[in-house]
Every structure is written in C-alpha cells, then in structure tokens.
Amino acid sequence: MIRTYILNNQTLTYKDLEPLKPIPENTIWIDIKNPNDEEREWMQHLFKEEVPEEDDIDEIESSSRFYIDTDGVHITSLFPQRKGRETESSNVLFTIHGSMLITFREEDVSIIRLLRHYLKHDRVEINDNIDIFLELQDIKVESLSDYIEDSYETLEETASQVLSDDDETIQDLLQELTFQEETISQIRSALFDTRKALRFLRKSITGRLSPQQFETIDNILQDIESLLPHTQFMFDKINFQLQTAMSYTNHKQNKIIKIFSVAAVVFMPPTWIASVYGMNFKFMPELDWQYGYPISIAMMILSATITYLFFRRKKWL
C-alpha cells in the first residue's frame, strides 16, 4: 500500500496512491507498507539506488541503519508495539528525500496510526517532512514511557508473590518475570536506537533544521536519557525477584531433603535392631522371655527417640 500525505495551507491530508499515478503536488510524506511487485517496481522511480528489501531493514549494523547516499538521508528506526500482552518490535526505514519523507515498512505500526489520528484531530503541527519524522519519534518515546510504567506496576504486584508457597503461583510468577524482562529489553533497545537516530539526523542535516526542530530533538533526547536509568532499575528489580524466588524455592526443597535425610538417620538404630533379629536364626534367647517381643519394640522406639532428641538438641531439626 502506498499512501501520500499532502501539505496545503498548514493542513495535512492523505490519499492512497496507485502505482501508475503521479505523486500529488505538495506531497511531503510517502508511506509505503508491505508493497507488492507492482508497487516495488514503482518505487524504482523514488530510489536511484537499489530498492530496500525486508532483510535490509532488519540489519543491526549502524552503517546499515544510518547512512547517506544519492537518494538522501536514510535512518532505520525500531518501533516496539503491543500485540495483546506481547511486545514486538519492527523496523521502519525513513528516507529524507529532498522535501519528502519516505517511510518503508513491512507491517502495520501502531505509532504511525496514532500520528494519523493526531493529524486528523489537529493535535500536532506539521510544517515539513522533518516534523513528521520528529513527531513519530516523540510519540514513540512517550509510548515507551507508558510501557515502562505498566511494567513497573506489574513488578509491584509480583513483589508480593515472590515468597509464595503455592507452586502454581511461583510458576506464573517466573513466567511473568521472564515476559517483563523481554519487554524491558525491547524498550531499552528502542531507546538506544532512537537516540542514535536523532543524533545522526541532527549531524546530517544541521543546516535544514529550524530552531524549533533543534529544541524538539533536544527534548526527546532528554526524555530518553531520563528513561534509560528506569530501564536499568527495572532489570535489577526483575533479576532480584527472579533470584529471590529461585532461592526461596531451593530453600524449600532443601528443607524437604533435610527432613528425609534426618528421617533416614533417626530410623537407622531401630532398623539395625530389627535387622539383627531378622538375620539371627540360632541364638534368639528373647523368644523364651515373656516380654521379649515388646522389649525389642521398645528398644527400637527408644533408639529412634534418643536419636531424634539428639538432633533437636543440636538444632539440626
């Protein structure tokens, strides 16, 4: 799908574009999502260089994500988004091509939808293609901040479950902590990536940026710097809860093993007495005693009791 955004008299409107149609006048943003073969062929008119593929967008090297060529300034930016409870990240390639911004993506990005909603209700002011790029980055950072707040609230709830004796609760807790760790990891990666993108933009097109755009970049970078320590704190909190839960579980298991070990030692003397009687077939004088059998039982009970009291005195139980 190809959608063009046209700026007329400070008003931004959009229109879906068919591949054979010319680009409308005053277009400042062309958004290309999951193009088909015909649309890819049309894209050759936009890019003098090779048309980017999905594998190109997913490269992780800085030289592949931030570069300048004859087509303009290219910035690949990471956009985490919620899909149900899961947090997934997708890359969007931005190309600042003269007075136009070209975005290329393989899937839907919720932040772009949100920007369209803001534009529809005049909640943002757009003067050129750079403003669109900065608004998307600003909305992304705000969304990441909300994700961090949600994760923090979740960790406040899980903190009370760390010392639970219920196995099912502990299992759910470990799954939730693992999920939160993956979420925070994606948020942190997106923050670092956004910081690199903004610094590269500021360095690459300094002469084109207005004072207000410089200020916007500085504000977003300040927000990122304030959020990064929170993500590190969240990592520490998750690791602490994981270690505490695992340590408490190991402690409970050790107590169970200790009980079985002590029980084996406590019952060793009576077992020895019973074994002596069981293996002796010739000399069993106690058979002639009136109370021989009760006495042997009493000896076994007494030996077990003495061993148990000895363990209690030593505080091994």
Protein backbone atom coordinates (compact mmCIF):
# COMPACT_ATOMS: atom_id res chain seq x y z
CA MET A 1 0.00 0.00 0.00
CA ILE A 2 1.24 3.48 -0.88
CA ARG A 3 -0.22 6.49 0.91
CA THR A 4 0.74 10.09 0.23
CA TYR A 5 0.37 12.99 2.66
CA ILE A 6 -0.14 16.40 1.10
CA LEU A 7 0.51 19.67 2.94
CA ASN A 8 -1.70 22.59 1.89
CA ASN A 9 -2.09 25.75 3.99
CA GLN A 10 -0.74 24.08 7.14
CA THR A 11 -3.24 21.25 6.70
CA LEU A 12 -2.05 17.72 6.08
CA THR A 13 -4.32 15.37 4.16
CA TYR A 14 -3.62 11.89 2.89
CA LYS A 15 -4.51 9.98 -0.24
CA ASP A 16 -3.86 6.40 -1.33
CA LEU A 17 -1.77 6.30 -4.46
CA GLU A 18 -1.93 3.80 -7.28
CA PRO A 19 1.46 2.82 -8.75
CA LEU A 20 0.77 4.29 -12.21
CA LYS A 21 -0.47 7.62 -10.85
CA PRO A 22 1.85 10.63 -10.43
CA ILE A 23 2.78 11.83 -6.96
CA PRO A 24 0.42 14.67 -5.92
CA GLU A 25 1.82 18.16 -5.68
CA ASN A 26 2.97 19.34 -2.21
CA THR A 27 3.43 15.75 -1.03
CA ILE A 28 5.74 15.74 2.00
CA TRP A 29 5.31 12.14 3.14
CA ILE A 30 5.01 8.88 1.22
CA ASP A 31 4.22 5.90 3.45
CA ILE A 32 4.86 2.51 1.81
CA LYS A 33 3.63 -0.58 3.64
CA ASN A 34 4.23 -4.16 2.52
CA PRO A 35 4.47 -3.29 -1.19
CA ASN A 36 3.54 -5.81 -3.88
CA ASP A 37 5.61 -6.42 -7.01
CA GLU A 38 3.90 -3.63 -8.97
CA GLU A 39 4.43 -1.15 -6.15
CA ARG A 40 8.07 -2.20 -5.80
CA GLU A 41 8.58 -1.53 -9.48
CA TRP A 42 7.04 1.91 -9.00
CA MET A 43 9.45 2.54 -6.11
CA GLN A 44 12.32 2.46 -8.58
CA HIS A 45 11.21 5.97 -9.58
CA LEU A 46 11.80 7.12 -5.99
CA PHE A 47 15.15 5.45 -5.35
CA LYS A 48 18.13 5.90 -7.63
CA GLU A 49 19.88 3.26 -5.59
CA GLU A 50 18.53 -0.24 -5.06
CA VAL A 51 15.03 -0.52 -3.57
CA PRO A 52 15.38 -1.75 0.04
CA GLU A 53 14.29 -5.25 0.94
CA GLU A 54 12.97 -6.52 4.27
CA ASP A 55 16.35 -8.07 5.10
CA ASP A 56 17.99 -4.69 4.51
CA ILE A 57 15.71 -3.00 7.04
CA ASP A 58 16.47 -5.60 9.72
CA GLU A 59 20.24 -5.12 9.60
CA ILE A 60 21.71 -4.27 13.01
CA GLU A 61 24.99 -2.62 11.98
CA SER A 62 24.99 1.16 12.41
CA SER A 63 26.43 1.61 8.92
CA SER A 64 23.37 -0.18 7.51
CA ARG A 65 20.84 1.66 9.67
CA PHE A 66 22.15 5.23 9.36
CA TYR A 67 23.74 6.40 6.12
CA ILE A 68 23.59 8.99 3.33
CA ASP A 69 23.60 8.34 -0.42
CA THR A 70 22.27 9.93 -3.60
CA ASP A 71 18.69 9.19 -2.51
CA GLY A 72 19.05 11.22 0.69
CA VAL A 73 19.42 10.55 4.40
CA HIS A 74 18.43 7.02 5.44
CA ILE A 75 17.50 6.18 9.03
CA THR A 76 16.16 2.81 10.13
CA SER A 77 14.29 3.11 13.40
CA LEU A 78 12.99 0.46 15.78
CA PHE A 79 9.32 0.63 16.85
CA PRO A 80 8.14 -1.65 19.67
CA GLN A 81 4.39 -2.15 19.89
CA ARG A 82 1.92 -4.16 21.91
CA LYS A 83 0.17 -7.14 20.33
CA GLY A 84 -2.06 -8.45 23.07
CA ARG A 85 0.25 -8.86 26.05
CA GLU A 86 3.28 -9.42 23.85
CA THR A 87 5.65 -6.63 22.87
CA GLU A 88 7.08 -6.96 19.37
CA SER A 89 9.49 -4.69 17.55
CA SER A 90 9.51 -3.82 13.87
CA ASN A 91 11.84 -1.65 11.82
CA VAL A 92 10.80 1.32 9.71
CA LEU A 93 13.13 2.78 7.09
CA PHE A 94 12.97 6.58 6.84
CA THR A 95 14.41 8.33 3.80
CA ILE A 96 14.60 12.12 3.82
CA HIS A 97 14.48 12.73 0.08
CA GLY A 98 14.52 16.46 -0.61
CA SER A 99 11.29 17.91 0.79
CA MET A 100 9.70 14.46 1.12
CA LEU A 101 9.85 11.83 3.83
CA ILE A 102 9.56 8.26 2.56
CA THR A 103 8.77 5.53 5.07
CA PHE A 104 9.12 1.90 4.11
CA ARG A 105 7.82 -0.91 6.35
CA GLU A 106 6.68 -4.49 6.04
CA GLU A 107 3.90 -4.42 8.63
CA ASP A 108 1.47 -2.18 10.45
CA VAL A 109 2.97 0.15 13.06
CA SER A 110 0.63 1.43 15.75
CA ILE A 111 2.56 4.68 16.24
CA ILE A 112 2.02 5.67 12.60
CA ARG A 113 -1.71 5.02 13.08
CA LEU A 114 -1.60 7.17 16.19
CA LEU A 115 0.08 10.00 14.29
CA ARG A 116 -2.67 9.84 11.65
CA HIS A 117 -5.21 10.14 14.46
CA TYR A 118 -3.40 13.19 15.84
CA LEU A 119 -3.28 14.77 12.39
CA LYS A 120 -6.97 14.15 11.87
CA HIS A 121 -7.80 15.96 15.11
CA ASP A 122 -5.20 18.73 14.66
CA ARG A 123 -3.26 17.70 17.75
CA VAL A 124 0.14 18.22 16.11
CA GLU A 125 1.54 20.93 13.87
CA ILE A 126 3.37 19.80 10.75
CA ASN A 127 5.35 22.22 8.59
CA ASP A 128 7.65 19.91 6.66
CA ASN A 129 8.88 16.33 6.33
CA ILE A 130 11.32 16.67 9.26
CA ASP A 131 8.41 17.48 11.57
CA ILE A 132 6.75 14.19 10.65
CA PHE A 133 9.89 12.22 11.49
CA LEU A 134 10.30 14.01 14.81
CA GLU A 135 6.64 13.60 15.74
CA LEU A 136 6.87 9.85 15.16
CA GLN A 137 9.97 9.64 17.35
CA ASP A 138 8.36 11.76 20.04
CA ILE A 139 5.20 9.63 20.09
CA LYS A 140 7.34 6.50 20.23
CA VAL A 141 9.27 7.71 23.27
CA GLU A 142 6.01 8.65 25.02
CA SER A 143 4.66 5.16 24.30
CA LEU A 144 7.83 3.56 25.64
CA SER A 145 7.43 5.62 28.80
CA ASP A 146 3.91 4.22 29.21
CA TYR A 147 5.23 0.68 28.71
CA ILE A 148 7.78 1.25 31.46
CA GLU A 149 5.07 2.50 33.83
CA ASP A 150 2.93 -0.57 33.08
CA SER A 151 5.87 -2.89 33.74
CA TYR A 152 6.67 -1.10 36.98
CA GLU A 153 3.11 -1.59 38.23
CA THR A 154 3.30 -5.27 37.29
CA LEU A 155 6.56 -5.70 39.22
CA GLU A 156 4.98 -4.07 42.26
CA GLU A 157 2.33 -6.79 42.15
CA THR A 158 4.78 -9.65 41.59
CA ALA A 159 6.90 -8.50 44.54
CA SER A 160 4.23 -9.80 46.93
CA GLN A 161 4.22 -13.23 45.25
CA VAL A 162 7.95 -13.96 45.43
CA LEU A 163 7.72 -15.82 48.76
CA SER A 164 4.53 -17.70 47.95
CA ASP A 165 4.31 -21.37 48.99
CA ASP A 166 1.94 -22.19 46.14
CA ASP A 167 3.77 -23.92 43.28
CA GLU A 168 1.32 -22.67 40.65
CA THR A 169 1.76 -19.08 41.84
CA ILE A 170 5.54 -19.40 41.65
CA GLN A 171 5.31 -20.85 38.14
CA ASP A 172 3.09 -17.96 37.00
CA LEU A 173 5.47 -15.53 38.67
CA LEU A 174 8.51 -16.88 36.84
CA GLN A 175 6.66 -16.70 33.53
CA GLU A 176 5.59 -13.11 34.20
CA LEU A 177 9.10 -12.03 35.20
CA THR A 178 10.56 -13.62 32.07
CA PHE A 179 7.94 -11.81 29.99
CA GLN A 180 8.72 -8.48 31.68
CA GLU A 181 12.44 -8.94 31.16
CA GLU A 182 11.90 -9.42 27.42
CA THR A 183 9.62 -6.35 27.31
CA ILE A 184 12.12 -4.11 29.09
CA SER A 185 14.89 -5.42 26.85
CA GLN A 186 12.97 -4.34 23.74
CA ILE A 187 12.15 -0.96 25.28
CA ARG A 188 15.79 -0.37 26.16
CA SER A 189 16.94 -1.35 22.66
CA ALA A 190 14.40 1.04 21.12
CA LEU A 191 15.55 3.91 23.34
CA PHE A 192 19.20 3.42 22.39
CA ASP A 193 18.24 3.10 18.73
CA THR A 194 16.13 6.28 18.82
CA ARG A 195 18.95 8.20 20.47
CA LYS A 196 21.33 7.14 17.69
CA ALA A 197 18.76 8.08 15.03
CA LEU A 198 18.20 11.58 16.40
CA ARG A 199 21.90 12.27 16.82
CA PHE A 200 22.55 11.10 13.27
CA LEU A 201 19.73 13.29 11.94
CA ARG A 202 21.00 16.36 13.80
CA LYS A 203 24.51 15.77 12.50
CA SER A 204 23.45 15.04 8.90
CA ILE A 205 21.05 17.89 8.15
CA THR A 206 22.04 20.58 10.63
CA GLY A 207 21.57 23.32 8.04
CA ARG A 208 17.94 22.32 7.36
CA LEU A 209 16.75 22.14 10.95
CA SER A 210 14.77 25.04 12.38
CA PRO A 211 15.37 26.27 15.96
CA GLN A 212 12.10 24.62 17.00
CA GLN A 213 13.22 21.31 15.48
CA PHE A 214 16.56 21.55 17.31
CA GLU A 215 14.61 22.10 20.51
CA THR A 216 12.34 19.13 19.77
CA ILE A 217 15.35 16.86 19.21
CA ASP A 218 16.95 18.05 22.46
CA ASN A 219 13.71 17.45 24.38
CA ILE A 220 13.32 13.92 23.01
CA LEU A 221 16.96 13.13 23.81
CA GLN A 222 16.46 14.42 27.36
CA ASP A 223 13.41 12.19 27.73
CA ILE A 224 15.43 9.21 26.52
CA GLU A 225 18.23 9.95 28.98
CA SER A 226 15.70 10.13 31.80
CA LEU A 227 14.07 6.81 30.80
CA LEU A 228 17.23 4.74 30.39
CA PRO A 229 18.04 4.64 34.15
CA HIS A 230 14.48 3.44 34.76
CA THR A 231 15.00 0.52 32.40
CA GLN A 232 18.21 -0.43 34.23
CA PHE A 233 16.35 -0.21 37.55
CA MET A 234 13.64 -2.46 36.12
CA PHE A 235 16.24 -5.01 35.03
CA ASP A 236 17.72 -5.00 38.53
CA LYS A 237 14.28 -5.37 40.08
CA ILE A 238 13.37 -8.27 37.77
CA ASN A 239 16.67 -10.05 38.47
CA PHE A 240 16.25 -9.53 42.22
CA GLN A 241 12.76 -11.03 42.18
CA LEU A 242 13.90 -13.93 40.00
CA GLN A 243 16.84 -14.69 42.28
CA THR A 244 14.69 -14.35 45.41
CA ALA A 245 12.00 -16.65 44.03
CA MET A 246 14.56 -19.25 42.94
CA SER A 247 16.44 -19.03 46.25
CA TYR A 248 13.24 -19.43 48.23
CA THR A 249 12.20 -22.40 46.10
CA ASN A 250 15.63 -24.01 46.60
CA HIS A 251 15.36 -23.35 50.34
CA LYS A 252 12.01 -25.15 50.48
CA GLN A 253 13.41 -28.07 48.51
CA ASN A 254 16.43 -28.26 50.81
CA LYS A 255 14.13 -28.39 53.83
CA ILE A 256 12.26 -31.33 52.30
CA ILE A 257 15.52 -33.13 51.50
CA LYS A 258 16.74 -32.41 55.03
CA ILE A 259 13.62 -33.99 56.53
CA PHE A 260 14.15 -37.17 54.51
CA SER A 261 17.85 -37.25 55.42
CA VAL A 262 17.14 -36.83 59.14
CA ALA A 263 14.35 -39.41 58.99
CA ALA A 264 16.77 -41.92 57.47
CA VAL A 265 19.28 -41.33 60.29
CA VAL A 266 16.60 -41.38 63.03
CA PHE A 267 15.29 -44.74 61.89
CA MET A 268 18.73 -46.27 61.40
CA PRO A 269 19.11 -47.60 65.02
CA PRO A 270 15.68 -49.31 65.12
CA THR A 271 16.34 -50.67 61.65
CA TRP A 272 19.63 -52.12 62.87
CA ILE A 273 17.89 -53.76 65.86
CA ALA A 274 15.20 -55.23 63.62
CA SER A 275 17.85 -56.44 61.19
CA VAL A 276 19.77 -58.24 63.94
CA TYR A 277 16.65 -60.14 64.92
CA GLY A 278 15.76 -60.80 61.32
CA MET A 279 19.14 -62.30 60.44
CA ASN A 280 19.66 -64.33 63.66
CA PHE A 281 18.17 -67.81 63.32
CA LYS A 282 20.12 -69.68 66.02
CA PHE A 283 20.57 -67.52 69.10
CA MET A 284 17.29 -65.76 69.90
CA PRO A 285 17.02 -66.09 73.70
CA GLU A 286 14.42 -63.34 73.85
CA LEU A 287 11.95 -65.79 72.30
CA ASP A 288 11.72 -67.51 75.69
CA TRP A 289 11.06 -64.27 77.52
CA GLN A 290 7.50 -63.40 78.34
CA TYR A 291 8.05 -59.79 77.31
CA GLY A 292 10.81 -60.35 74.75
CA TYR A 293 8.86 -59.04 71.75
CA PRO A 294 7.53 -55.90 73.49
CA ILE A 295 11.02 -55.19 74.83
CA SER A 296 12.52 -55.35 71.33
CA ILE A 297 9.83 -52.97 70.06
CA ALA A 298 10.52 -50.64 72.98
CA MET A 299 14.25 -50.72 72.20
CA MET A 300 13.58 -49.65 68.64
CA ILE A 301 11.28 -46.82 69.74
CA LEU A 302 13.75 -45.71 72.41
CA SER A 303 16.70 -45.68 70.00
CA ALA A 304 14.73 -43.63 67.47
CA THR A 305 13.59 -41.21 70.21
CA ILE A 306 17.11 -40.72 71.55
CA THR A 307 18.41 -40.01 68.05
CA TYR A 308 15.57 -37.55 67.41
CA LEU A 309 16.18 -35.69 70.69
CA PHE A 310 19.89 -35.54 69.93
CA PHE A 311 19.14 -33.90 66.58
CA ARG A 312 16.79 -31.42 68.26
CA ARG A 313 19.41 -30.55 70.87
CA LYS A 314 21.94 -29.87 68.14
CA LYS A 315 19.28 -27.75 66.38
CA TRP A 316 19.55 -29.82 63.22
CA LEU A 317 15.76 -30.03 63.12
